[in-house]
Amino acid sequence: MAEQRDDGKPGAEVEPAGPSTPASQPPVDPAQLEQFRQFQQFQDYLRFTQAQQGNEPAPPPDAGLVQASPPQPPVIPPGYQLVREDRRGGGPPRWVKWLGKKVLAWVLAIVILGVAGTWLYNHFFPSDAGKSSAQLAQEGGGTYHTNRILSTSPYEAVREVYDAVAQNLVPQACGRMDEPVQQKFAQDLGYADCQVAVHELNRKVTSKNDYAESMPSYVSEPLPGDRFTISSCRFGIRGGPALGAFTVQKVDKSQWLITAHTNEPTPCPAAPPTS
């Protein structure tokens, strides 16, 4: 139908509009296509790793958001190394621990050697503290039946008592006497027992050598028998107190044991000349 114009003149005939021709699509950018392909590969990799860990695959991210690349390990500068968390500030250095172990080992070794040395010393050199006269007799005169521990000279037997008192040696002094005589010796001199007597008499010694040598080891005169008395005053004791008269007796293995004791005047009378 012809269009009627305002001026009364017929216009051009209007034809129905036909189908429009679609505009041509812009060409695809190869770089964007490659990025999209890599993004799909990355999503496939994430789904694979999550499936290996037993997790459900994460939902695909919004295509409109820019995906962050996976975190990369830190770059370590040259000359540095990673330090484990449990070693960072966790205690003293290794050399300090090694030195501590060495010091501890030396301390333990010194303690063990000290204990062993004390035991050995006490074993081979026992103290006479706390021992009774009976125990001292077992260490001295009480064992002469089976061992040769006494002197084979009667005068030497008495001289050894003086020498032991000068050195403050209780077993050697009391052990030269028979057990009952040890207590008699102490009581005659005014002491509780033989051990106390030796310690107290030693305090009165002014010259150890003179005191020990005041009594001769032997005399030239014949022995009066297998039992006789030796007087301290006869020989003039020097450097300490005189110990009285000792009766000696010949026993097993030709040894001489002190079997009796008596006091003598104090001070001793003038000693006669010895032969």
C-alpha atoms as a PDB file:
ATOM      1  CA  MET A   1       0.000   0.000   0.000  1.00  0.00           C
ATOM      2  CA  ALA A   2       1.217   3.464  -0.975  1.00  0.00           C
ATOM      3  CA  GLU A   3       1.939   5.887   1.836  1.00  0.00           C
ATOM      4  CA  GLN A   4      -0.134   9.065   1.864  1.00  0.00           C
ATOM      5  CA  ARG A   5       2.065  12.098   2.412  1.00  0.00           C
ATOM      6  CA  ASP A   6       0.966  15.224   4.288  1.00  0.00           C
ATOM      7  CA  ASP A   7       1.192  17.287   1.149  1.00  0.00           C
ATOM      8  CA  GLY A   8      -1.287  14.983  -0.584  1.00  0.00           C
ATOM      9  CA  LYS A   9       1.259  13.418  -2.842  1.00  0.00           C
ATOM     10  CA  PRO A  10       1.623   9.793  -2.898  1.00  0.00           C
ATOM     11  CA  GLY A  11       4.815   8.535  -1.242  1.00  0.00           C
ATOM     12  CA  ALA A  12       7.050   5.653  -1.947  1.00  0.00           C
ATOM     13  CA  GLU A  13       5.640   2.248  -1.365  1.00  0.00           C
ATOM     14  CA  VAL A  14       6.809   0.618   1.906  1.00  0.00           C
ATOM     15  CA  GLU A  15       7.889  -2.963   1.558  1.00  0.00           C
ATOM     16  CA  PRO A  16       7.909  -5.373   4.471  1.00  0.00           C
ATOM     17  CA  ALA A  17      11.234  -5.795   6.137  1.00  0.00           C
ATOM     18  CA  GLY A  18      12.972  -9.021   5.305  1.00  0.00           C
ATOM     19  CA  PRO A  19      15.327 -10.996   7.553  1.00  0.00           C
ATOM     20  CA  SER A  20      18.353  -9.020   8.529  1.00  0.00           C
ATOM     21  CA  THR A  21      21.796 -10.356   7.706  1.00  0.00           C
ATOM     22  CA  PRO A  22      23.815 -11.036  10.866  1.00  0.00           C
ATOM     23  CA  ALA A  23      26.907  -9.004  11.363  1.00  0.00           C
ATOM     24  CA  SER A  24      30.175 -10.821  10.824  1.00  0.00           C
ATOM     25  CA  GLN A  25      31.984 -12.179  14.119  1.00  0.00           C
ATOM     26  CA  PRO A  26      35.346 -10.606  15.001  1.00  0.00           C
ATOM     27  CA  PRO A  27      38.357 -12.900  14.531  1.00  0.00           C
ATOM     28  CA  VAL A  28      39.505 -14.975  17.639  1.00  0.00           C
ATOM     29  CA  ASP A  29      42.818 -13.890  19.289  1.00  0.00           C
ATOM     30  CA  PRO A  30      45.220 -16.901  19.367  1.00  0.00           C
ATOM     31  CA  ALA A  31      46.828 -15.693  22.640  1.00  0.00           C
ATOM     32  CA  GLN A  32      43.486 -15.568  24.438  1.00  0.00           C
ATOM     33  CA  LEU A  33      42.623 -18.991  23.100  1.00  0.00           C
ATOM     34  CA  GLU A  34      45.915 -20.396  24.446  1.00  0.00           C
ATOM     35  CA  GLN A  35      45.277 -18.815  27.881  1.00  0.00           C
ATOM     36  CA  PHE A  36      41.795 -20.329  27.987  1.00  0.00           C
ATOM     37  CA  ARG A  37      43.219 -23.764  27.096  1.00  0.00           C
ATOM     38  CA  GLN A  38      45.870 -23.497  29.854  1.00  0.00           C
ATOM     39  CA  PHE A  39      43.196 -22.448  32.347  1.00  0.00           C
ATOM     40  CA  GLN A  40      41.157 -25.553  31.521  1.00  0.00           C
ATOM     41  CA  GLN A  41      44.278 -27.733  31.991  1.00  0.00           C
ATOM     42  CA  PHE A  42      44.910 -26.118  35.392  1.00  0.00           C
ATOM     43  CA  GLN A  43      41.315 -26.885  36.470  1.00  0.00           C
ATOM     44  CA  ASP A  44      41.749 -30.497  35.359  1.00  0.00           C
ATOM     45  CA  TYR A  45      44.971 -30.708  37.415  1.00  0.00           C
ATOM     46  CA  LEU A  46      43.211 -29.380  40.524  1.00  0.00           C
ATOM     47  CA  ARG A  47      40.422 -31.930  40.176  1.00  0.00           C
ATOM     48  CA  PHE A  48      43.004 -34.722  39.800  1.00  0.00           C
ATOM     49  CA  THR A  49      44.981 -33.742  42.917  1.00  0.00           C
ATOM     50  CA  GLN A  50      41.805 -33.394  44.993  1.00  0.00           C
ATOM     51  CA  ALA A  51      40.647 -36.815  43.842  1.00  0.00           C
ATOM     52  CA  GLN A  52      43.988 -38.295  44.915  1.00  0.00           C
ATOM     53  CA  GLN A  53      43.522 -36.793  48.409  1.00  0.00           C
ATOM     54  CA  GLY A  54      39.972 -38.080  48.760  1.00  0.00           C
ATOM     55  CA  ASN A  55      38.393 -34.631  48.548  1.00  0.00           C
ATOM     56  CA  GLU A  56      35.540 -33.545  46.401  1.00  0.00           C
ATOM     57  CA  PRO A  57      36.619 -31.420  43.483  1.00  0.00           C
ATOM     58  CA  ALA A  58      36.135 -27.768  44.088  1.00  0.00           C
ATOM     59  CA  PRO A  59      33.470 -26.028  42.029  1.00  0.00           C
ATOM     60  CA  PRO A  60      34.788 -24.316  38.953  1.00  0.00           C
ATOM     61  CA  PRO A  61      35.696 -20.743  39.670  1.00  0.00           C
ATOM     62  CA  ASP A  62      33.795 -17.913  38.182  1.00  0.00           C
ATOM     63  CA  ALA A  63      34.988 -17.380  34.692  1.00  0.00           C
ATOM     64  CA  GLY A  64      34.736 -13.673  35.185  1.00  0.00           C
ATOM     65  CA  LEU A  65      37.321 -13.631  37.994  1.00  0.00           C
ATOM     66  CA  VAL A  66      41.016 -13.647  37.474  1.00  0.00           C
ATOM     67  CA  GLN A  67      42.451 -16.826  39.025  1.00  0.00           C
ATOM     68  CA  ALA A  68      45.580 -16.460  41.114  1.00  0.00           C
ATOM     69  CA  SER A  69      48.479 -18.634  40.158  1.00  0.00           C
ATOM     70  CA  PRO A  70      49.489 -21.385  42.634  1.00  0.00           C
ATOM     71  CA  PRO A  71      51.955 -20.235  45.328  1.00  0.00           C
ATOM     72  CA  GLN A  72      55.557 -20.666  44.446  1.00  0.00           C
ATOM     73  CA  PRO A  73      58.257 -21.729  46.952  1.00  0.00           C
ATOM     74  CA  PRO A  74      60.346 -18.851  48.291  1.00  0.00           C
ATOM     75  CA  VAL A  75      63.592 -18.159  46.575  1.00  0.00           C
ATOM     76  CA  ILE A  76      66.576 -18.783  48.893  1.00  0.00           C
ATOM     77  CA  PRO A  77      69.430 -16.321  48.393  1.00  0.00           C
ATOM     78  CA  PRO A  78      72.893 -17.777  47.787  1.00  0.00           C
ATOM     79  CA  GLY A  79      74.819 -18.562  50.963  1.00  0.00           C
ATOM     80  CA  TYR A  80      71.686 -19.262  53.055  1.00  0.00           C
ATOM     81  CA  GLN A  81      69.872 -22.458  53.961  1.00  0.00           C
ATOM     82  CA  LEU A  82      66.495 -23.357  55.378  1.00  0.00           C
ATOM     83  CA  VAL A  83      66.271 -23.834  59.160  1.00  0.00           C
ATOM     84  CA  ARG A  84      63.715 -26.225  60.593  1.00  0.00           C
ATOM     85  CA  GLU A  85      61.183 -24.765  62.995  1.00  0.00           C
ATOM     86  CA  ASP A  86      62.112 -27.214  65.760  1.00  0.00           C
ATOM     87  CA  ARG A  87      65.767 -26.132  65.530  1.00  0.00           C
ATOM     88  CA  ARG A  88      65.130 -22.396  65.435  1.00  0.00           C
ATOM     89  CA  GLY A  89      66.005 -21.129  68.914  1.00  0.00           C
ATOM     90  CA  GLY A  90      65.286 -24.572  70.450  1.00  0.00           C
ATOM     91  CA  GLY A  91      68.033 -25.085  73.066  1.00  0.00           C
ATOM     92  CA  PRO A  92      71.819 -24.783  73.329  1.00  0.00           C
ATOM     93  CA  PRO A  93      74.158 -25.480  70.417  1.00  0.00           C
ATOM     94  CA  ARG A  94      75.330 -28.998  69.705  1.00  0.00           C
ATOM     95  CA  TRP A  95      78.883 -28.363  70.950  1.00  0.00           C
ATOM     96  CA  VAL A  96      77.528 -27.221  74.327  1.00  0.00           C
ATOM     97  CA  LYS A  97      75.607 -30.491  74.717  1.00  0.00           C
ATOM     98  CA  TRP A  98      78.717 -32.486  73.747  1.00  0.00           C
ATOM     99  CA  LEU A  99      80.866 -30.604  76.243  1.00  0.00           C
ATOM    100  CA  GLY A 100      78.269 -31.126  78.982  1.00  0.00           C
ATOM    101  CA  LYS A 101      78.265 -34.880  78.401  1.00  0.00           C
ATOM    102  CA  LYS A 102      82.067 -34.994  78.609  1.00  0.00           C
ATOM    103  CA  VAL A 103      82.130 -33.016  81.860  1.00  0.00           C
ATOM    104  CA  LEU A 104      79.446 -35.239  83.385  1.00  0.00           C
ATOM    105  CA  ALA A 105      81.381 -38.361  82.398  1.00  0.00           C
ATOM    106  CA  TRP A 106      84.569 -37.035  84.023  1.00  0.00           C
ATOM    107  CA  VAL A 107      82.718 -36.111  87.224  1.00  0.00           C
ATOM    108  CA  LEU A 108      81.207 -39.591  87.474  1.00  0.00           C
ATOM    109  CA  ALA A 109      84.599 -41.189  86.823  1.00  0.00           C
ATOM    110  CA  ILE A 110      86.242 -39.100  89.570  1.00  0.00           C
ATOM    111  CA  VAL A 111      83.473 -39.976  92.040  1.00  0.00           C
ATOM    112  CA  ILE A 112      83.756 -43.690  91.256  1.00  0.00           C
ATOM    113  CA  LEU A 113      87.557 -43.613  91.575  1.00  0.00           C
ATOM    114  CA  GLY A 114      87.281 -41.748  94.876  1.00  0.00           C
ATOM    115  CA  VAL A 115      84.852 -44.279  96.316  1.00  0.00           C
ATOM    116  CA  ALA A 116      86.950 -47.199  95.087  1.00  0.00           C
ATOM    117  CA  GLY A 117      90.153 -45.657  96.435  1.00  0.00           C
ATOM    118  CA  THR A 118      88.595 -45.057  99.853  1.00  0.00           C
ATOM    119  CA  TRP A 119      87.345 -48.628 100.006  1.00  0.00           C
ATOM    120  CA  LEU A 120      90.740 -50.044  99.036  1.00  0.00           C
ATOM    121  CA  TYR A 121      92.546 -47.878 101.574  1.00  0.00           C
ATOM    122  CA  ASN A 122      90.183 -48.894 104.369  1.00  0.00           C
ATOM    123  CA  HIS A 123      90.477 -52.514 103.299  1.00  0.00           C
ATOM    124  CA  PHE A 124      94.271 -52.684 103.366  1.00  0.00           C
ATOM    125  CA  PHE A 125      94.828 -50.061 106.081  1.00  0.00           C
ATOM    126  CA  PRO A 126      91.892 -50.429 108.456  1.00  0.00           C
ATOM    127  CA  SER A 127      91.436 -47.899 111.210  1.00  0.00           C
ATOM    128  CA  ASP A 128      91.575 -49.031 114.816  1.00  0.00           C
ATOM    129  CA  ALA A 129      88.810 -46.608 115.826  1.00  0.00           C
ATOM    130  CA  GLY A 130      85.954 -48.362 117.578  1.00  0.00           C
ATOM    131  CA  LYS A 131      87.780 -51.681 117.923  1.00  0.00           C
ATOM    132  CA  SER A 132      87.718 -53.519 121.209  1.00  0.00           C
ATOM    133  CA  SER A 133      90.724 -55.062 122.915  1.00  0.00           C
ATOM    134  CA  ALA A 134      89.554 -58.472 121.740  1.00  0.00           C
ATOM    135  CA  GLN A 135      89.587 -57.314 118.118  1.00  0.00           C
ATOM    136  CA  LEU A 136      93.032 -55.823 118.537  1.00  0.00           C
ATOM    137  CA  ALA A 137      94.219 -59.088 120.029  1.00  0.00           C
ATOM    138  CA  GLN A 138      92.952 -60.953 116.974  1.00  0.00           C
ATOM    139  CA  GLU A 139      95.037 -58.619 114.807  1.00  0.00           C
ATOM    140  CA  GLY A 140      98.110 -59.034 117.025  1.00  0.00           C
ATOM    141  CA  GLY A 141      98.863 -61.549 119.750  1.00  0.00           C
ATOM    142  CA  GLY A 142      95.661 -63.459 119.157  1.00  0.00           C
ATOM    143  CA  THR A 143      96.908 -64.901 115.854  1.00  0.00           C
ATOM    144  CA  TYR A 144     100.462 -65.883 116.779  1.00  0.00           C
ATOM    145  CA  HIS A 145      99.473 -69.590 116.879  1.00  0.00           C
ATOM    146  CA  THR A 146      99.221 -69.797 113.083  1.00  0.00           C
ATOM    147  CA  ASN A 147     101.282 -66.801 111.916  1.00  0.00           C
ATOM    148  CA  ARG A 148     104.712 -65.514 112.827  1.00  0.00           C
ATOM    149  CA  ILE A 149     103.730 -61.971 113.734  1.00  0.00           C
ATOM    150  CA  LEU A 150     105.549 -61.528 117.048  1.00  0.00           C
ATOM    151  CA  SER A 151     109.199 -60.910 117.693  1.00  0.00           C
ATOM    152  CA  THR A 152     111.612 -63.813 118.141  1.00  0.00           C
ATOM    153  CA  SER A 153     113.521 -61.755 120.740  1.00  0.00           C
ATOM    154  CA  PRO A 154     111.975 -61.054 124.182  1.00  0.00           C
ATOM    155  CA  TYR A 155     113.589 -57.612 124.489  1.00  0.00           C
ATOM    156  CA  GLU A 156     112.532 -56.709 120.967  1.00  0.00           C
ATOM    157  CA  ALA A 157     108.948 -57.624 121.906  1.00  0.00           C
ATOM    158  CA  VAL A 158     108.971 -54.959 124.644  1.00  0.00           C
ATOM    159  CA  ARG A 159     110.851 -52.443 122.490  1.00  0.00           C
ATOM    160  CA  GLU A 160     108.148 -52.761 119.792  1.00  0.00           C
ATOM    161  CA  VAL A 161     105.543 -51.635 122.346  1.00  0.00           C
ATOM    162  CA  TYR A 162     107.528 -48.437 122.965  1.00  0.00           C
ATOM    163  CA  ASP A 163     107.991 -47.901 119.236  1.00  0.00           C
ATOM    164  CA  ALA A 164     104.263 -48.386 118.548  1.00  0.00           C
ATOM    165  CA  VAL A 165     103.317 -45.921 121.315  1.00  0.00           C
ATOM    166  CA  ALA A 166     105.761 -43.385 119.824  1.00  0.00           C
ATOM    167  CA  GLN A 167     104.069 -43.797 116.414  1.00  0.00           C
ATOM    168  CA  ASN A 168     100.528 -43.960 117.910  1.00  0.00           C
ATOM    169  CA  LEU A 169      99.913 -47.402 116.362  1.00  0.00           C
ATOM    170  CA  VAL A 170      97.300 -49.168 118.487  1.00  0.00           C
ATOM    171  CA  PRO A 171      97.265 -52.640 116.804  1.00  0.00           C
ATOM    172  CA  GLN A 172     101.052 -52.909 116.899  1.00  0.00           C
ATOM    173  CA  ALA A 173     101.261 -51.881 120.569  1.00  0.00           C
ATOM    174  CA  CYS A 174      98.328 -53.840 121.985  1.00  0.00           C
ATOM    175  CA  GLY A 175      98.857 -56.793 119.648  1.00  0.00           C
ATOM    176  CA  ARG A 176     102.179 -57.642 121.318  1.00  0.00           C
ATOM    177  CA  MET A 177     100.245 -58.539 124.485  1.00  0.00           C
ATOM    178  CA  ASP A 178      97.954 -61.415 125.322  1.00  0.00           C
ATOM    179  CA  GLU A 179      94.306 -60.331 125.332  1.00  0.00           C
ATOM    180  CA  PRO A 180      93.768 -60.234 129.135  1.00  0.00           C
ATOM    181  CA  VAL A 181      97.054 -58.339 129.565  1.00  0.00           C
ATOM    182  CA  GLN A 182      95.937 -55.540 127.256  1.00  0.00           C
ATOM    183  CA  GLN A 183      93.238 -54.460 129.698  1.00  0.00           C
ATOM    184  CA  LYS A 184      95.577 -54.940 132.676  1.00  0.00           C
ATOM    185  CA  PHE A 185      98.224 -52.769 130.996  1.00  0.00           C
ATOM    186  CA  ALA A 186      95.682 -49.970 130.446  1.00  0.00           C
ATOM    187  CA  GLN A 187      94.298 -50.117 133.994  1.00  0.00           C
ATOM    188  CA  ASP A 188      97.769 -50.146 135.564  1.00  0.00           C
ATOM    189  CA  LEU A 189      98.536 -46.884 133.741  1.00  0.00           C
ATOM    190  CA  GLY A 190      95.134 -45.355 134.551  1.00  0.00           C
ATOM    191  CA  TYR A 191      93.237 -45.707 131.246  1.00  0.00           C
ATOM    192  CA  ALA A 192      89.950 -47.324 130.219  1.00  0.00           C
ATOM    193  CA  ASP A 193      91.396 -49.743 127.676  1.00  0.00           C
ATOM    194  CA  CYS A 194      94.512 -50.428 125.642  1.00  0.00           C
ATOM    195  CA  GLN A 195      93.435 -48.301 122.711  1.00  0.00           C
ATOM    196  CA  VAL A 196      92.874 -45.212 124.860  1.00  0.00           C
ATOM    197  CA  ALA A 197      96.144 -45.882 126.685  1.00  0.00           C
ATOM    198  CA  VAL A 198      98.173 -45.857 123.461  1.00  0.00           C
ATOM    199  CA  HIS A 199      96.593 -42.601 122.244  1.00  0.00           C
ATOM    200  CA  GLU A 200      97.094 -40.823 125.574  1.00  0.00           C
ATOM    201  CA  LEU A 201     100.632 -42.090 126.109  1.00  0.00           C
ATOM    202  CA  ASN A 202     101.550 -40.909 122.615  1.00  0.00           C
ATOM    203  CA  ARG A 203     100.637 -37.355 123.654  1.00  0.00           C
ATOM    204  CA  LYS A 204     103.325 -37.507 126.341  1.00  0.00           C
ATOM    205  CA  VAL A 205     106.124 -38.554 123.979  1.00  0.00           C
ATOM    206  CA  THR A 206     108.600 -35.717 123.443  1.00  0.00           C
ATOM    207  CA  SER A 207     111.089 -37.538 121.201  1.00  0.00           C
ATOM    208  CA  LYS A 208     109.859 -40.460 119.141  1.00  0.00           C
ATOM    209  CA  ASN A 209     113.308 -41.748 118.253  1.00  0.00           C
ATOM    210  CA  ASP A 210     114.726 -41.554 121.791  1.00  0.00           C
ATOM    211  CA  TYR A 211     111.595 -43.124 123.228  1.00  0.00           C
ATOM    212  CA  ALA A 212     111.575 -46.050 120.786  1.00  0.00           C
ATOM    213  CA  GLU A 213     115.291 -46.734 121.246  1.00  0.00           C
ATOM    214  CA  SER A 214     115.264 -46.542 125.056  1.00  0.00           C
ATOM    215  CA  MET A 215     114.562 -50.273 125.244  1.00  0.00           C
ATOM    216  CA  PRO A 216     117.286 -52.443 123.643  1.00  0.00           C
ATOM    217  CA  SER A 217     116.427 -55.120 121.100  1.00  0.00           C
ATOM    218  CA  TYR A 218     118.634 -57.654 122.904  1.00  0.00           C
ATOM    219  CA  VAL A 219     121.184 -57.957 125.699  1.00  0.00           C
ATOM    220  CA  SER A 220     124.342 -60.005 125.827  1.00  0.00           C
ATOM    221  CA  GLU A 221     123.446 -61.905 128.977  1.00  0.00           C
ATOM    222  CA  PRO A 222     121.796 -65.315 128.606  1.00  0.00           C
ATOM    223  CA  LEU A 223     118.035 -65.493 128.803  1.00  0.00           C
ATOM    224  CA  PRO A 224     116.832 -66.623 132.233  1.00  0.00           C
ATOM    225  CA  GLY A 225     114.266 -68.956 130.718  1.00  0.00           C
ATOM    226  CA  ASP A 226     111.150 -69.118 128.543  1.00  0.00           C
ATOM    227  CA  ARG A 227     109.281 -66.763 130.879  1.00  0.00           C
ATOM    228  CA  PHE A 228     110.728 -63.762 132.714  1.00  0.00           C
ATOM    229  CA  THR A 229     110.107 -60.062 133.448  1.00  0.00           C
ATOM    230  CA  ILE A 230     111.743 -57.096 131.703  1.00  0.00           C
ATOM    231  CA  SER A 231     111.850 -53.848 133.701  1.00  0.00           C
ATOM    232  CA  SER A 232     111.519 -50.524 131.913  1.00  0.00           C
ATOM    233  CA  CYS A 233     113.263 -48.697 134.748  1.00  0.00           C
ATOM    234  CA  ARG A 234     116.338 -50.901 134.325  1.00  0.00           C
ATOM    235  CA  PHE A 235     117.132 -49.330 130.970  1.00  0.00           C
ATOM    236  CA  GLY A 236     116.287 -45.677 131.730  1.00  0.00           C
ATOM    237  CA  ILE A 237     113.452 -44.652 129.392  1.00  0.00           C
ATOM    238  CA  ARG A 238     114.028 -41.326 127.566  1.00  0.00           C
ATOM    239  CA  GLY A 239     111.722 -39.105 125.504  1.00  0.00           C
ATOM    240  CA  GLY A 240     108.471 -40.227 127.177  1.00  0.00           C
ATOM    241  CA  PRO A 241     106.847 -42.057 130.094  1.00  0.00           C
ATOM    242  CA  ALA A 242     108.084 -45.428 131.325  1.00  0.00           C
ATOM    243  CA  LEU A 243     105.503 -48.190 130.807  1.00  0.00           C
ATOM    244  CA  GLY A 244     106.319 -50.489 133.740  1.00  0.00           C
ATOM    245  CA  ALA A 245     107.493 -54.089 133.854  1.00  0.00           C
ATOM    246  CA  PHE A 246     106.481 -56.613 131.167  1.00  0.00           C
ATOM    247  CA  THR A 247     106.502 -60.378 131.620  1.00  0.00           C
ATOM    248  CA  VAL A 248     107.343 -62.140 128.357  1.00  0.00           C
ATOM    249  CA  GLN A 249     106.810 -65.778 127.498  1.00  0.00           C
ATOM    250  CA  LYS A 250     108.034 -67.933 124.635  1.00  0.00           C
ATOM    251  CA  VAL A 251     105.139 -69.282 122.550  1.00  0.00           C
ATOM    252  CA  ASP A 252     104.597 -71.050 119.214  1.00  0.00           C
ATOM    253  CA  LYS A 253     107.158 -70.658 116.422  1.00  0.00           C
ATOM    254  CA  SER A 254     109.783 -69.320 118.904  1.00  0.00           C
ATOM    255  CA  GLN A 255     107.883 -66.057 119.308  1.00  0.00           C
ATOM    256  CA  TRP A 256     107.685 -63.982 122.491  1.00  0.00           C
ATOM    257  CA  LEU A 257     104.334 -62.749 123.804  1.00  0.00           C
ATOM    258  CA  ILE A 258     103.760 -60.322 126.689  1.00  0.00           C
ATOM    259  CA  THR A 259     101.672 -62.286 129.207  1.00  0.00           C
ATOM    260  CA  ALA A 260     101.720 -59.979 132.275  1.00  0.00           C
ATOM    261  CA  HIS A 261     102.247 -56.347 133.307  1.00  0.00           C
ATOM    262  CA  THR A 262     102.992 -54.528 136.571  1.00  0.00           C
ATOM    263  CA  ASN A 263     103.589 -50.906 137.478  1.00  0.00           C
ATOM    264  CA  GLU A 264     106.967 -49.560 138.530  1.00  0.00           C
ATOM    265  CA  PRO A 265     107.886 -46.495 140.593  1.00  0.00           C
ATOM    266  CA  THR A 266     107.367 -43.141 138.932  1.00  0.00           C
ATOM    267  CA  PRO A 267     109.837 -41.712 138.330  1.00  0.00           C
ATOM    268  CA  CYS A 268     112.124 -44.680 137.978  1.00  0.00           C
ATOM    269  CA  PRO A 269     115.087 -44.924 140.321  1.00  0.00           C
ATOM    270  CA  ALA A 270     118.526 -44.468 138.858  1.00  0.00           C
ATOM    271  CA  ALA A 271     119.101 -47.184 136.295  1.00  0.00           C
ATOM    272  CA  PRO A 272     122.039 -49.503 136.847  1.00  0.00           C
ATOM    273  CA  PRO A 273     124.533 -49.879 134.009  1.00  0.00           C
ATOM    274  CA  THR A 274     123.526 -52.442 131.405  1.00  0.00           C
ATOM    275  CA  SER A 275     125.831 -55.180 130.263  1.00  0.00           C
END
